[in-house]
């Protein structure tokens, strides 16, 4: 009798060939015999370099949550904004991904709704995150009334997210685009979370930010309220979302290491995001710069056969981030990011 791990391995091989080569699906259509399709898939797998066995996923305890998280977080927001894709989600889950991050419908359209069926079927085995903004500008003054308004907005969106996800509880709910340190420090926000936690709706409080990221993270550390922080970071340092470039006066990740250590000591699990955005760029602006971070890699890393994206993901995981959030639109992107997350410490001697 096949073991659970053997069954998963067979299914991954089958899905891989179905997606990359289409051979197994053709056999299935012709014979209506699943075993014949698996056999065809396996035969093709032996001939396809892209169908190599996936590495074993690596895990890291996510701050004070205590959850052993896969170092790759499946970013579901943009990926599921239009349509559901349970097959790809299940492929990631079976390979070892156990953290799934989404966001409210006001920004991500149908993503929460499209994640609901998958999340419900694996609810005991995954860490489920959603998020919403409080709609206060990054440079706004935060008085008591503004803080109360922010807390009401966060609570309203959290309730809406639970409905969209068809659940009564998420593991973590973030303050999305938490770009104002004053809001991060607001006691009203902390009370809103404590009320949601007491009601059994949310277990952990987090934030995501790609503006004023260092000041926001420092504020989160000072309060002691936040369990998770998702920050826009690259090997070269902070990513400036507004200008779509590296922040002009940033320190690089090696120089920022003491801040990340301080955050972890405060119980905050660190999630990297926008790690490869500069590499991708925008198609209407002529694309990105695939060599943007190459100066941070030694000859061994450059010769390891990793893509520019894989090098950047592996680097941030080995230099301060517990996990990395990646927007995963298709199978090829899933595998590319999976390999980087699973093997980051193999390529970089400095572990986070």
C-alpha atoms as a PDB file:
ATOM      1  CA  UNK A   1       0.000   0.000   0.000  1.00  0.00           C
ATOM      2  CA  UNK A   2       1.367   3.436  -0.936  1.00  0.00           C
ATOM      3  CA  UNK A   3       2.303   5.755   1.888  1.00  0.00           C
ATOM      4  CA  UNK A   4       0.798   9.255   2.129  1.00  0.00           C
ATOM      5  CA  UNK A   5       4.101  10.786   0.982  1.00  0.00           C
ATOM      6  CA  UNK A   6       4.319   8.385  -1.958  1.00  0.00           C
ATOM      7  CA  UNK A   7       0.760   9.232  -2.970  1.00  0.00           C
ATOM      8  CA  UNK A   8       1.547  12.941  -2.852  1.00  0.00           C
ATOM      9  CA  UNK A   9       4.716  12.415  -4.863  1.00  0.00           C
ATOM     10  CA  UNK A  10       2.831  10.474  -7.537  1.00  0.00           C
ATOM     11  CA  UNK A  11       0.148  13.122  -7.752  1.00  0.00           C
ATOM     12  CA  UNK A  12       2.714  15.899  -8.060  1.00  0.00           C
ATOM     13  CA  UNK A  13       4.445  14.027 -10.891  1.00  0.00           C
ATOM     14  CA  UNK A  14       1.121  13.477 -12.585  1.00  0.00           C
ATOM     15  CA  UNK A  15       0.044  17.110 -12.250  1.00  0.00           C
ATOM     16  CA  UNK A  16       3.435  18.292 -13.395  1.00  0.00           C
ATOM     17  CA  UNK A  17       3.252  16.317 -16.623  1.00  0.00           C
ATOM     18  CA  UNK A  18      -0.372  17.269 -17.176  1.00  0.00           C
ATOM     19  CA  UNK A  19       0.556  20.918 -16.915  1.00  0.00           C
ATOM     20  CA  UNK A  20       3.913  20.966 -18.670  1.00  0.00           C
ATOM     21  CA  UNK A  21       3.431  18.349 -21.374  1.00  0.00           C
ATOM     22  CA  UNK A  22      -0.268  17.565 -21.575  1.00  0.00           C
ATOM     23  CA  UNK A  23       0.601  13.900 -22.126  1.00  0.00           C
ATOM     24  CA  UNK A  24      -1.220  12.437 -19.131  1.00  0.00           C
ATOM     25  CA  UNK A  25      -4.385  14.387 -19.892  1.00  0.00           C
ATOM     26  CA  UNK A  26      -4.354  13.132 -23.465  1.00  0.00           C
ATOM     27  CA  UNK A  27      -4.067   9.537 -22.271  1.00  0.00           C
ATOM     28  CA  UNK A  28      -6.892  10.092 -19.818  1.00  0.00           C
ATOM     29  CA  UNK A  29      -9.167  11.428 -22.539  1.00  0.00           C
ATOM     30  CA  UNK A  30      -8.317   8.558 -24.859  1.00  0.00           C
ATOM     31  CA  UNK A  31      -8.574   5.666 -22.420  1.00  0.00           C
ATOM     32  CA  UNK A  32     -10.730   6.970 -19.544  1.00  0.00           C
ATOM     33  CA  UNK A  33      -8.236   5.042 -17.429  1.00  0.00           C
ATOM     34  CA  UNK A  34      -6.553   7.007 -14.649  1.00  0.00           C
ATOM     35  CA  UNK A  35      -3.832   4.383 -14.241  1.00  0.00           C
ATOM     36  CA  UNK A  36      -2.988   4.593 -17.934  1.00  0.00           C
ATOM     37  CA  UNK A  37      -2.843   8.366 -17.669  1.00  0.00           C
ATOM     38  CA  UNK A  38      -0.535   8.171 -14.664  1.00  0.00           C
ATOM     39  CA  UNK A  39       1.676   5.695 -16.520  1.00  0.00           C
ATOM     40  CA  UNK A  40       1.856   8.000 -19.528  1.00  0.00           C
ATOM     41  CA  UNK A  41       2.611  10.913 -17.259  1.00  0.00           C
ATOM     42  CA  UNK A  42       5.362   9.013 -15.469  1.00  0.00           C
ATOM     43  CA  UNK A  43       6.920   7.912 -18.759  1.00  0.00           C
ATOM     44  CA  UNK A  44       6.969  11.512 -19.936  1.00  0.00           C
ATOM     45  CA  UNK A  45       8.323  12.679 -16.583  1.00  0.00           C
ATOM     46  CA  UNK A  46      11.456  10.618 -17.130  1.00  0.00           C
ATOM     47  CA  UNK A  47      12.158  12.602 -20.285  1.00  0.00           C
ATOM     48  CA  UNK A  48      11.306  16.112 -19.104  1.00  0.00           C
ATOM     49  CA  UNK A  49      13.955  18.197 -17.298  1.00  0.00           C
ATOM     50  CA  UNK A  50      11.160  20.422 -15.954  1.00  0.00           C
ATOM     51  CA  UNK A  51       9.564  17.430 -14.285  1.00  0.00           C
ATOM     52  CA  UNK A  52      12.349  16.771 -11.800  1.00  0.00           C
ATOM     53  CA  UNK A  53      11.242  15.933  -8.284  1.00  0.00           C
ATOM     54  CA  UNK A  54      10.526  18.997  -6.210  1.00  0.00           C
ATOM     55  CA  UNK A  55      12.821  19.642  -3.250  1.00  0.00           C
ATOM     56  CA  UNK A  56      11.470  19.238   0.254  1.00  0.00           C
ATOM     57  CA  UNK A  57       9.892  22.466   1.481  1.00  0.00           C
ATOM     58  CA  UNK A  58      11.671  24.247   4.343  1.00  0.00           C
ATOM     59  CA  UNK A  59       9.747  25.601   7.340  1.00  0.00           C
ATOM     60  CA  UNK A  60      10.185  28.368   9.884  1.00  0.00           C
ATOM     61  CA  UNK A  61       8.262  29.138  13.081  1.00  0.00           C
ATOM     62  CA  UNK A  62       6.261  32.269  12.371  1.00  0.00           C
ATOM     63  CA  UNK A  63       6.973  34.544  15.314  1.00  0.00           C
ATOM     64  CA  UNK A  64       4.872  34.153  18.416  1.00  0.00           C
ATOM     65  CA  UNK A  65       2.147  32.375  16.451  1.00  0.00           C
ATOM     66  CA  UNK A  66       4.168  29.197  16.893  1.00  0.00           C
ATOM     67  CA  UNK A  67       3.014  27.993  13.483  1.00  0.00           C
ATOM     68  CA  UNK A  68       5.593  26.064  11.433  1.00  0.00           C
ATOM     69  CA  UNK A  69       5.137  27.901   8.168  1.00  0.00           C
ATOM     70  CA  UNK A  70       6.342  26.931   4.721  1.00  0.00           C
ATOM     71  CA  UNK A  71       8.949  29.468   3.666  1.00  0.00           C
ATOM     72  CA  UNK A  72       6.848  30.152   0.584  1.00  0.00           C
ATOM     73  CA  UNK A  73       3.525  31.896   1.199  1.00  0.00           C
ATOM     74  CA  UNK A  74       0.995  31.491  -1.588  1.00  0.00           C
ATOM     75  CA  UNK A  75      -0.155  35.009  -2.500  1.00  0.00           C
ATOM     76  CA  UNK A  76      -3.754  34.509  -3.609  1.00  0.00           C
ATOM     77  CA  UNK A  77      -4.903  38.112  -4.009  1.00  0.00           C
ATOM     78  CA  UNK A  78      -4.103  38.942  -7.620  1.00  0.00           C
ATOM     79  CA  UNK A  79      -3.917  35.268  -8.601  1.00  0.00           C
ATOM     80  CA  UNK A  80      -7.533  34.559  -7.615  1.00  0.00           C
ATOM     81  CA  UNK A  81      -9.071  37.974  -8.239  1.00  0.00           C
ATOM     82  CA  UNK A  82     -10.757  36.744 -11.406  1.00  0.00           C
ATOM     83  CA  UNK A  83     -11.221  32.978 -11.188  1.00  0.00           C
ATOM     84  CA  UNK A  84     -10.763  30.115  -8.751  1.00  0.00           C
ATOM     85  CA  UNK A  85      -7.849  27.725  -9.289  1.00  0.00           C
ATOM     86  CA  UNK A  86      -8.215  24.914  -6.775  1.00  0.00           C
ATOM     87  CA  UNK A  87      -6.039  22.569  -8.842  1.00  0.00           C
ATOM     88  CA  UNK A  88      -3.035  24.869  -8.553  1.00  0.00           C
ATOM     89  CA  UNK A  89      -3.742  25.588  -4.874  1.00  0.00           C
ATOM     90  CA  UNK A  90      -3.897  21.861  -4.180  1.00  0.00           C
ATOM     91  CA  UNK A  91      -0.675  21.278  -6.092  1.00  0.00           C
ATOM     92  CA  UNK A  92       1.039  23.826  -3.834  1.00  0.00           C
ATOM     93  CA  UNK A  93      -0.513  22.329  -0.707  1.00  0.00           C
ATOM     94  CA  UNK A  94       0.471  18.782  -1.603  1.00  0.00           C
ATOM     95  CA  UNK A  95       4.021  19.944  -2.265  1.00  0.00           C
ATOM     96  CA  UNK A  96       4.206  21.439   1.240  1.00  0.00           C
ATOM     97  CA  UNK A  97       2.921  25.035   1.088  1.00  0.00           C
ATOM     98  CA  UNK A  98       0.754  25.681   4.148  1.00  0.00           C
ATOM     99  CA  UNK A  99       0.325  29.486   4.328  1.00  0.00           C
ATOM    100  CA  UNK A 100      -2.214  31.182   2.062  1.00  0.00           C
ATOM    101  CA  UNK A 101      -2.564  34.968   1.964  1.00  0.00           C
ATOM    102  CA  UNK A 102      -5.439  36.862   0.354  1.00  0.00           C
ATOM    103  CA  UNK A 103      -7.116  40.253   0.747  1.00  0.00           C
ATOM    104  CA  UNK A 104     -10.417  42.092   0.856  1.00  0.00           C
ATOM    105  CA  UNK A 105     -12.702  42.372  -2.147  1.00  0.00           C
ATOM    106  CA  UNK A 106     -12.368  46.136  -2.440  1.00  0.00           C
ATOM    107  CA  UNK A 107      -8.889  45.602  -3.891  1.00  0.00           C
ATOM    108  CA  UNK A 108      -8.669  41.928  -4.823  1.00  0.00           C
ATOM    109  CA  UNK A 109     -12.182  41.561  -6.266  1.00  0.00           C
ATOM    110  CA  UNK A 110     -13.281  37.902  -6.002  1.00  0.00           C
ATOM    111  CA  UNK A 111     -10.093  36.493  -4.504  1.00  0.00           C
ATOM    112  CA  UNK A 112     -11.464  35.680  -1.053  1.00  0.00           C
ATOM    113  CA  UNK A 113     -14.550  34.074  -2.549  1.00  0.00           C
ATOM    114  CA  UNK A 114     -12.411  32.064  -4.963  1.00  0.00           C
ATOM    115  CA  UNK A 115     -10.200  30.838  -2.124  1.00  0.00           C
ATOM    116  CA  UNK A 116     -13.093  29.789   0.101  1.00  0.00           C
ATOM    117  CA  UNK A 117     -13.649  26.223  -1.104  1.00  0.00           C
ATOM    118  CA  UNK A 118      -9.968  25.302  -0.966  1.00  0.00           C
ATOM    119  CA  UNK A 119      -9.477  26.959   2.419  1.00  0.00           C
ATOM    120  CA  UNK A 120     -12.451  25.174   3.915  1.00  0.00           C
ATOM    121  CA  UNK A 121     -11.292  21.776   2.674  1.00  0.00           C
ATOM    122  CA  UNK A 122      -7.853  22.228   4.281  1.00  0.00           C
ATOM    123  CA  UNK A 123      -8.794  24.430   7.209  1.00  0.00           C
ATOM    124  CA  UNK A 124      -7.048  22.363   9.882  1.00  0.00           C
ATOM    125  CA  UNK A 125      -3.795  22.184   7.920  1.00  0.00           C
ATOM    126  CA  UNK A 126      -3.188  25.721   6.670  1.00  0.00           C
ATOM    127  CA  UNK A 127      -2.519  29.176   8.081  1.00  0.00           C
ATOM    128  CA  UNK A 128      -5.087  31.526   6.513  1.00  0.00           C
ATOM    129  CA  UNK A 129      -4.403  35.265   6.236  1.00  0.00           C
ATOM    130  CA  UNK A 130      -6.483  38.107   4.856  1.00  0.00           C
ATOM    131  CA  UNK A 131      -6.176  41.872   5.094  1.00  0.00           C
ATOM    132  CA  UNK A 132      -7.753  45.260   4.463  1.00  0.00           C
ATOM    133  CA  UNK A 133      -6.714  48.925   4.696  1.00  0.00           C
ATOM    134  CA  UNK A 134      -7.940  51.532   7.151  1.00  0.00           C
ATOM    135  CA  UNK A 135      -7.951  54.277   4.521  1.00  0.00           C
ATOM    136  CA  UNK A 136      -5.740  56.837   6.263  1.00  0.00           C
ATOM    137  CA  UNK A 137      -2.963  58.480   4.265  1.00  0.00           C
ATOM    138  CA  UNK A 138       0.655  57.724   5.148  1.00  0.00           C
ATOM    139  CA  UNK A 139       1.437  61.294   6.242  1.00  0.00           C
ATOM    140  CA  UNK A 140      -1.895  62.095   7.927  1.00  0.00           C
ATOM    141  CA  UNK A 141      -2.050  63.202  11.543  1.00  0.00           C
ATOM    142  CA  UNK A 142      -3.696  60.510  13.649  1.00  0.00           C
ATOM    143  CA  UNK A 143      -5.798  61.946  16.436  1.00  0.00           C
ATOM    144  CA  UNK A 144      -8.261  60.023  18.570  1.00  0.00           C
ATOM    145  CA  UNK A 145     -11.113  60.411  16.103  1.00  0.00           C
ATOM    146  CA  UNK A 146      -8.979  59.272  13.158  1.00  0.00           C
ATOM    147  CA  UNK A 147      -7.826  56.243  15.149  1.00  0.00           C
ATOM    148  CA  UNK A 148     -11.413  55.305  16.018  1.00  0.00           C
ATOM    149  CA  UNK A 149     -12.381  55.640  12.368  1.00  0.00           C
ATOM    150  CA  UNK A 150      -9.463  53.413  11.362  1.00  0.00           C
ATOM    151  CA  UNK A 151     -10.494  50.766  13.884  1.00  0.00           C
ATOM    152  CA  UNK A 152     -14.107  50.816  12.672  1.00  0.00           C
ATOM    153  CA  UNK A 153     -12.971  50.481   9.055  1.00  0.00           C
ATOM    154  CA  UNK A 154     -10.648  47.578   9.847  1.00  0.00           C
ATOM    155  CA  UNK A 155     -13.388  45.782  11.776  1.00  0.00           C
ATOM    156  CA  UNK A 156     -15.944  46.312   9.010  1.00  0.00           C
ATOM    157  CA  UNK A 157     -13.626  44.915   6.359  1.00  0.00           C
ATOM    158  CA  UNK A 158     -12.642  41.998   8.588  1.00  0.00           C
ATOM    159  CA  UNK A 159     -16.293  41.023   8.985  1.00  0.00           C
ATOM    160  CA  UNK A 160     -16.760  41.303   5.236  1.00  0.00           C
ATOM    161  CA  UNK A 161     -13.715  39.102   4.607  1.00  0.00           C
ATOM    162  CA  UNK A 162     -15.095  36.375   6.852  1.00  0.00           C
ATOM    163  CA  UNK A 163     -18.279  36.352   4.791  1.00  0.00           C
ATOM    164  CA  UNK A 164     -16.387  36.250   1.488  1.00  0.00           C
ATOM    165  CA  UNK A 165     -14.219  33.382   2.766  1.00  0.00           C
ATOM    166  CA  UNK A 166     -17.310  31.621   4.121  1.00  0.00           C
ATOM    167  CA  UNK A 167     -15.683  31.102   7.497  1.00  0.00           C
ATOM    168  CA  UNK A 168     -16.060  32.354  11.037  1.00  0.00           C
ATOM    169  CA  UNK A 169     -12.310  32.570  11.706  1.00  0.00           C
ATOM    170  CA  UNK A 170      -9.017  33.478  10.042  1.00  0.00           C
ATOM    171  CA  UNK A 171      -5.632  32.853  11.583  1.00  0.00           C
ATOM    172  CA  UNK A 172      -4.405  36.389  10.956  1.00  0.00           C
ATOM    173  CA  UNK A 173      -5.904  39.606   9.668  1.00  0.00           C
ATOM    174  CA  UNK A 174      -3.570  42.389   8.590  1.00  0.00           C
ATOM    175  CA  UNK A 175      -3.845  46.114   8.495  1.00  0.00           C
ATOM    176  CA  UNK A 176      -3.161  46.333   4.750  1.00  0.00           C
ATOM    177  CA  UNK A 177      -1.054  49.210   3.384  1.00  0.00           C
ATOM    178  CA  UNK A 178      -0.171  50.084   6.971  1.00  0.00           C
ATOM    179  CA  UNK A 179       1.894  53.062   5.877  1.00  0.00           C
ATOM    180  CA  UNK A 180       1.140  55.429   8.765  1.00  0.00           C
ATOM    181  CA  UNK A 181       3.120  54.688  11.950  1.00  0.00           C
ATOM    182  CA  UNK A 182       0.569  56.683  13.933  1.00  0.00           C
ATOM    183  CA  UNK A 183      -2.192  54.234  13.030  1.00  0.00           C
ATOM    184  CA  UNK A 184       0.103  51.302  13.838  1.00  0.00           C
ATOM    185  CA  UNK A 185       0.605  52.759  17.315  1.00  0.00           C
ATOM    186  CA  UNK A 186      -3.077  53.607  17.876  1.00  0.00           C
ATOM    187  CA  UNK A 187      -4.566  51.839  20.886  1.00  0.00           C
ATOM    188  CA  UNK A 188      -7.927  51.867  19.137  1.00  0.00           C
ATOM    189  CA  UNK A 189      -6.529  49.474  16.528  1.00  0.00           C
ATOM    190  CA  UNK A 190      -5.217  47.150  19.207  1.00  0.00           C
ATOM    191  CA  UNK A 191      -8.610  47.166  20.964  1.00  0.00           C
ATOM    192  CA  UNK A 192     -10.391  46.365  17.686  1.00  0.00           C
ATOM    193  CA  UNK A 193      -8.158  43.333  17.280  1.00  0.00           C
ATOM    194  CA  UNK A 194      -8.630  42.205  20.877  1.00  0.00           C
ATOM    195  CA  UNK A 195     -12.408  42.387  20.396  1.00  0.00           C
ATOM    196  CA  UNK A 196     -12.160  40.298  17.222  1.00  0.00           C
ATOM    197  CA  UNK A 197      -9.881  37.806  18.971  1.00  0.00           C
ATOM    198  CA  UNK A 198     -12.231  37.514  21.957  1.00  0.00           C
ATOM    199  CA  UNK A 199     -15.076  36.780  19.541  1.00  0.00           C
ATOM    200  CA  UNK A 200     -13.041  33.960  17.978  1.00  0.00           C
ATOM    201  CA  UNK A 201     -12.786  35.664  14.598  1.00  0.00           C
ATOM    202  CA  UNK A 202      -9.023  36.330  14.414  1.00  0.00           C
ATOM    203  CA  UNK A 203      -6.099  34.761  16.251  1.00  0.00           C
ATOM    204  CA  UNK A 204      -3.223  37.071  15.284  1.00  0.00           C
ATOM    205  CA  UNK A 205      -2.755  40.689  14.292  1.00  0.00           C
ATOM    206  CA  UNK A 206      -0.497  41.669  11.434  1.00  0.00           C
ATOM    207  CA  UNK A 207       0.313  44.444   9.030  1.00  0.00           C
ATOM    208  CA  UNK A 208       1.518  44.785   5.460  1.00  0.00           C
ATOM    209  CA  UNK A 209       3.398  47.823   4.242  1.00  0.00           C
ATOM    210  CA  UNK A 210       5.367  49.097   1.268  1.00  0.00           C
ATOM    211  CA  UNK A 211       5.670  52.754   2.301  1.00  0.00           C
ATOM    212  CA  UNK A 212       7.479  54.068   5.389  1.00  0.00           C
ATOM    213  CA  UNK A 213       8.263  50.405   5.955  1.00  0.00           C
ATOM    214  CA  UNK A 214      11.119  50.884   8.398  1.00  0.00           C
ATOM    215  CA  UNK A 215       9.199  53.385  10.534  1.00  0.00           C
ATOM    216  CA  UNK A 216       6.134  51.165  10.461  1.00  0.00           C
ATOM    217  CA  UNK A 217       8.098  48.074  11.496  1.00  0.00           C
ATOM    218  CA  UNK A 218       9.787  50.012  14.290  1.00  0.00           C
ATOM    219  CA  UNK A 219       6.359  51.171  15.508  1.00  0.00           C
ATOM    220  CA  UNK A 220       5.086  47.584  15.477  1.00  0.00           C
ATOM    221  CA  UNK A 221       8.099  46.466  17.493  1.00  0.00           C
ATOM    222  CA  UNK A 222       7.603  49.241  20.040  1.00  0.00           C
ATOM    223  CA  UNK A 223       3.925  48.445  20.658  1.00  0.00           C
ATOM    224  CA  UNK A 224       4.378  44.711  21.147  1.00  0.00           C
ATOM    225  CA  UNK A 225       0.906  44.172  19.644  1.00  0.00           C
ATOM    226  CA  UNK A 226       1.745  42.751  16.236  1.00  0.00           C
ATOM    227  CA  UNK A 227       2.383  39.096  15.505  1.00  0.00           C
ATOM    228  CA  UNK A 228       3.226  39.392  11.790  1.00  0.00           C
ATOM    229  CA  UNK A 229       4.681  42.036   9.498  1.00  0.00           C
ATOM    230  CA  UNK A 230       4.723  41.732   5.719  1.00  0.00           C
ATOM    231  CA  UNK A 231       7.210  44.236   4.324  1.00  0.00           C
ATOM    232  CA  UNK A 232       8.335  45.271   0.833  1.00  0.00           C
ATOM    233  CA  UNK A 233      11.983  44.223   0.870  1.00  0.00           C
ATOM    234  CA  UNK A 234      14.687  43.268  -1.642  1.00  0.00           C
ATOM    235  CA  UNK A 235      18.356  42.262  -1.395  1.00  0.00           C
ATOM    236  CA  UNK A 236      19.169  45.951  -1.938  1.00  0.00           C
ATOM    237  CA  UNK A 237      16.868  47.082   0.863  1.00  0.00           C
ATOM    238  CA  UNK A 238      13.443  48.724   1.029  1.00  0.00           C
ATOM    239  CA  UNK A 239      11.291  48.763  -2.091  1.00  0.00           C
ATOM    240  CA  UNK A 240       9.557  52.079  -2.839  1.00  0.00           C
ATOM    241  CA  UNK A 241       6.074  51.195  -4.079  1.00  0.00           C
ATOM    242  CA  UNK A 242       5.257  54.731  -5.172  1.00  0.00           C
ATOM    243  CA  UNK A 243       8.301  55.135  -7.418  1.00  0.00           C
ATOM    244  CA  UNK A 244       8.561  51.431  -8.329  1.00  0.00           C
ATOM    245  CA  UNK A 245      12.238  51.409  -7.424  1.00  0.00           C
ATOM    246  CA  UNK A 246      14.566  50.814  -4.493  1.00  0.00           C
ATOM    247  CA  UNK A 247      14.154  53.502  -1.834  1.00  0.00           C
ATOM    248  CA  UNK A 248      16.865  56.066  -2.450  1.00  0.00           C
ATOM    249  CA  UNK A 249      18.328  56.209   1.057  1.00  0.00           C
ATOM    250  CA  UNK A 250      17.829  52.577   2.053  1.00  0.00           C
ATOM    251  CA  UNK A 251      20.361  50.314   3.680  1.00  0.00           C
ATOM    252  CA  UNK A 252      20.723  46.917   2.059  1.00  0.00           C
ATOM    253  CA  UNK A 253      19.432  43.767   3.767  1.00  0.00           C
ATOM    254  CA  UNK A 254      22.738  42.897   5.400  1.00  0.00           C
ATOM    255  CA  UNK A 255      22.806  46.347   7.008  1.00  0.00           C
ATOM    256  CA  UNK A 256      19.152  46.034   8.065  1.00  0.00           C
ATOM    257  CA  UNK A 257      19.811  42.734   9.846  1.00  0.00           C
ATOM    258  CA  UNK A 258      19.761  44.224  13.395  1.00  0.00           C
ATOM    259  CA  UNK A 259      16.252  45.594  12.775  1.00  0.00           C
ATOM    260  CA  UNK A 260      15.008  42.199  11.644  1.00  0.00           C
ATOM    261  CA  UNK A 261      16.583  40.527  14.662  1.00  0.00           C
ATOM    262  CA  UNK A 262      14.856  43.070  16.913  1.00  0.00           C
ATOM    263  CA  UNK A 263      11.517  42.349  15.246  1.00  0.00           C
ATOM    264  CA  UNK A 264      11.867  38.614  15.758  1.00  0.00           C
ATOM    265  CA  UNK A 265      12.883  39.163  19.369  1.00  0.00           C
ATOM    266  CA  UNK A 266       9.620  41.085  19.759  1.00  0.00           C
ATOM    267  CA  UNK A 267       7.744  37.997  18.556  1.00  0.00           C
ATOM    268  CA  UNK A 268       7.012  39.284  15.057  1.00  0.00           C
ATOM    269  CA  UNK A 269       7.075  36.837  12.165  1.00  0.00           C
ATOM    270  CA  UNK A 270       8.603  38.552   9.115  1.00  0.00           C
ATOM    271  CA  UNK A 271       7.098  38.090   5.675  1.00  0.00           C
ATOM    272  CA  UNK A 272       8.906  39.480   2.629  1.00  0.00           C
ATOM    273  CA  UNK A 273       6.924  40.824  -0.316  1.00  0.00           C
ATOM    274  CA  UNK A 274       7.631  42.705  -3.592  1.00  0.00           C
ATOM    275  CA  UNK A 275      10.929  40.838  -3.581  1.00  0.00           C
ATOM    276  CA  UNK A 276      11.070  40.449  -7.337  1.00  0.00           C
ATOM    277  CA  UNK A 277       8.994  43.426  -8.436  1.00  0.00           C
ATOM    278  CA  UNK A 278      11.989  45.433  -9.631  1.00  0.00           C
ATOM    279  CA  UNK A 279      13.153  42.447 -11.668  1.00  0.00           C
ATOM    280  CA  UNK A 280       9.798  42.164 -13.405  1.00  0.00           C
ATOM    281  CA  UNK A 281       9.116  45.852 -13.878  1.00  0.00           C
ATOM    282  CA  UNK A 282       6.048  46.900 -15.833  1.00  0.00           C
ATOM    283  CA  UNK A 283       5.456  45.832 -19.417  1.00  0.00           C
ATOM    284  CA  UNK A 284       4.373  49.330 -20.462  1.00  0.00           C
ATOM    285  CA  UNK A 285       7.638  50.721 -19.085  1.00  0.00           C
ATOM    286  CA  UNK A 286       9.845  48.316 -21.009  1.00  0.00           C
ATOM    287  CA  UNK A 287      10.085  45.578 -18.372  1.00  0.00           C
ATOM    288  CA  UNK A 288      12.446  45.248 -15.431  1.00  0.00           C
ATOM    289  CA  UNK A 289      16.110  44.853 -14.649  1.00  0.00           C
ATOM    290  CA  UNK A 290      16.983  41.182 -14.210  1.00  0.00           C
ATOM    291  CA  UNK A 291      20.503  42.041 -13.019  1.00  0.00           C
ATOM    292  CA  UNK A 292      19.376  44.543 -10.371  1.00  0.00           C
ATOM    293  CA  UNK A 293      20.589  42.469  -7.416  1.00  0.00           C
ATOM    294  CA  UNK A 294      23.430  40.482  -8.966  1.00  0.00           C
ATOM    295  CA  UNK A 295      26.073  42.393  -7.010  1.00  0.00           C
ATOM    296  CA  UNK A 296      24.796  40.728  -3.833  1.00  0.00           C
ATOM    297  CA  UNK A 297      25.486  37.194  -5.093  1.00  0.00           C
ATOM    298  CA  UNK A 298      28.785  35.343  -5.163  1.00  0.00           C
ATOM    299  CA  UNK A 299      30.037  33.279  -8.086  1.00  0.00           C
ATOM    300  CA  UNK A 300      28.609  30.085  -6.682  1.00  0.00           C
ATOM    301  CA  UNK A 301      25.116  31.520  -6.484  1.00  0.00           C
ATOM    302  CA  UNK A 302      25.370  33.007  -9.966  1.00  0.00           C
ATOM    303  CA  UNK A 303      26.463  29.626 -11.328  1.00  0.00           C
ATOM    304  CA  UNK A 304      23.778  27.638  -9.500  1.00  0.00           C
ATOM    305  CA  UNK A 305      21.285  27.724 -12.357  1.00  0.00           C
ATOM    306  CA  UNK A 306      18.781  29.868 -10.494  1.00  0.00           C
ATOM    307  CA  UNK A 307      16.668  32.486 -12.239  1.00  0.00           C
ATOM    308  CA  UNK A 308      16.967  36.140 -11.197  1.00  0.00           C
ATOM    309  CA  UNK A 309      13.717  35.760  -9.272  1.00  0.00           C
ATOM    310  CA  UNK A 310      14.890  32.638  -7.492  1.00  0.00           C
ATOM    311  CA  UNK A 311      18.124  34.324  -6.431  1.00  0.00           C
ATOM    312  CA  UNK A 312      16.238  37.283  -4.954  1.00  0.00           C
ATOM    313  CA  UNK A 313      13.733  35.108  -3.073  1.00  0.00           C
ATOM    314  CA  UNK A 314      16.459  32.836  -1.736  1.00  0.00           C
ATOM    315  CA  UNK A 315      18.558  35.813  -0.644  1.00  0.00           C
ATOM    316  CA  UNK A 316      15.856  37.564   1.393  1.00  0.00           C
ATOM    317  CA  UNK A 317      14.976  34.279   3.093  1.00  0.00           C
ATOM    318  CA  UNK A 318      18.600  33.766   4.084  1.00  0.00           C
ATOM    319  CA  UNK A 319      19.030  37.361   5.286  1.00  0.00           C
ATOM    320  CA  UNK A 320      16.188  38.102   7.652  1.00  0.00           C
ATOM    321  CA  UNK A 321      12.774  37.055   6.353  1.00  0.00           C
ATOM    322  CA  UNK A 322      11.044  34.068   7.900  1.00  0.00           C
ATOM    323  CA  UNK A 323       8.914  33.496   4.803  1.00  0.00           C
ATOM    324  CA  UNK A 324       8.293  35.181   1.465  1.00  0.00           C
ATOM    325  CA  UNK A 325       4.936  35.974  -0.122  1.00  0.00           C
ATOM    326  CA  UNK A 326       4.759  35.412  -3.877  1.00  0.00           C
ATOM    327  CA  UNK A 327       1.952  36.148  -6.308  1.00  0.00           C
ATOM    328  CA  UNK A 328       1.475  32.750  -7.960  1.00  0.00           C
ATOM    329  CA  UNK A 329      -0.478  32.865 -11.193  1.00  0.00           C
ATOM    330  CA  UNK A 330       0.419  29.535 -12.791  1.00  0.00           C
ATOM    331  CA  UNK A 331       2.268  26.267 -12.375  1.00  0.00           C
ATOM    332  CA  UNK A 332       5.617  27.484 -13.718  1.00  0.00           C
ATOM    333  CA  UNK A 333       5.670  30.415 -11.271  1.00  0.00           C
ATOM    334  CA  UNK A 334       4.668  28.118  -8.415  1.00  0.00           C
ATOM    335  CA  UNK A 335       7.524  25.721  -9.052  1.00  0.00           C
ATOM    336  CA  UNK A 336      10.073  28.492  -9.631  1.00  0.00           C
ATOM    337  CA  UNK A 337       9.220  30.158  -6.327  1.00  0.00           C
ATOM    338  CA  UNK A 338       8.876  26.855  -4.488  1.00  0.00           C
ATOM    339  CA  UNK A 339      12.386  25.753  -5.443  1.00  0.00           C
ATOM    340  CA  UNK A 340      13.856  29.101  -4.325  1.00  0.00           C
ATOM    341  CA  UNK A 341      12.109  28.985  -0.940  1.00  0.00           C
ATOM    342  CA  UNK A 342      12.934  25.342  -0.327  1.00  0.00           C
ATOM    343  CA  UNK A 343      16.642  25.678  -1.156  1.00  0.00           C
ATOM    344  CA  UNK A 344      17.541  29.203  -0.011  1.00  0.00           C
ATOM    345  CA  UNK A 345      19.889  28.134   2.780  1.00  0.00           C
ATOM    346  CA  UNK A 346      21.615  25.723   0.434  1.00  0.00           C
ATOM    347  CA  UNK A 347      22.712  28.652  -1.732  1.00  0.00           C
ATOM    348  CA  UNK A 348      23.454  31.216   0.975  1.00  0.00           C
ATOM    349  CA  UNK A 349      25.607  30.350   3.945  1.00  0.00           C
ATOM    350  CA  UNK A 350      24.178  33.153   6.109  1.00  0.00           C
ATOM    351  CA  UNK A 351      20.904  31.846   7.494  1.00  0.00           C
ATOM    352  CA  UNK A 352      18.293  34.195   8.942  1.00  0.00           C
END
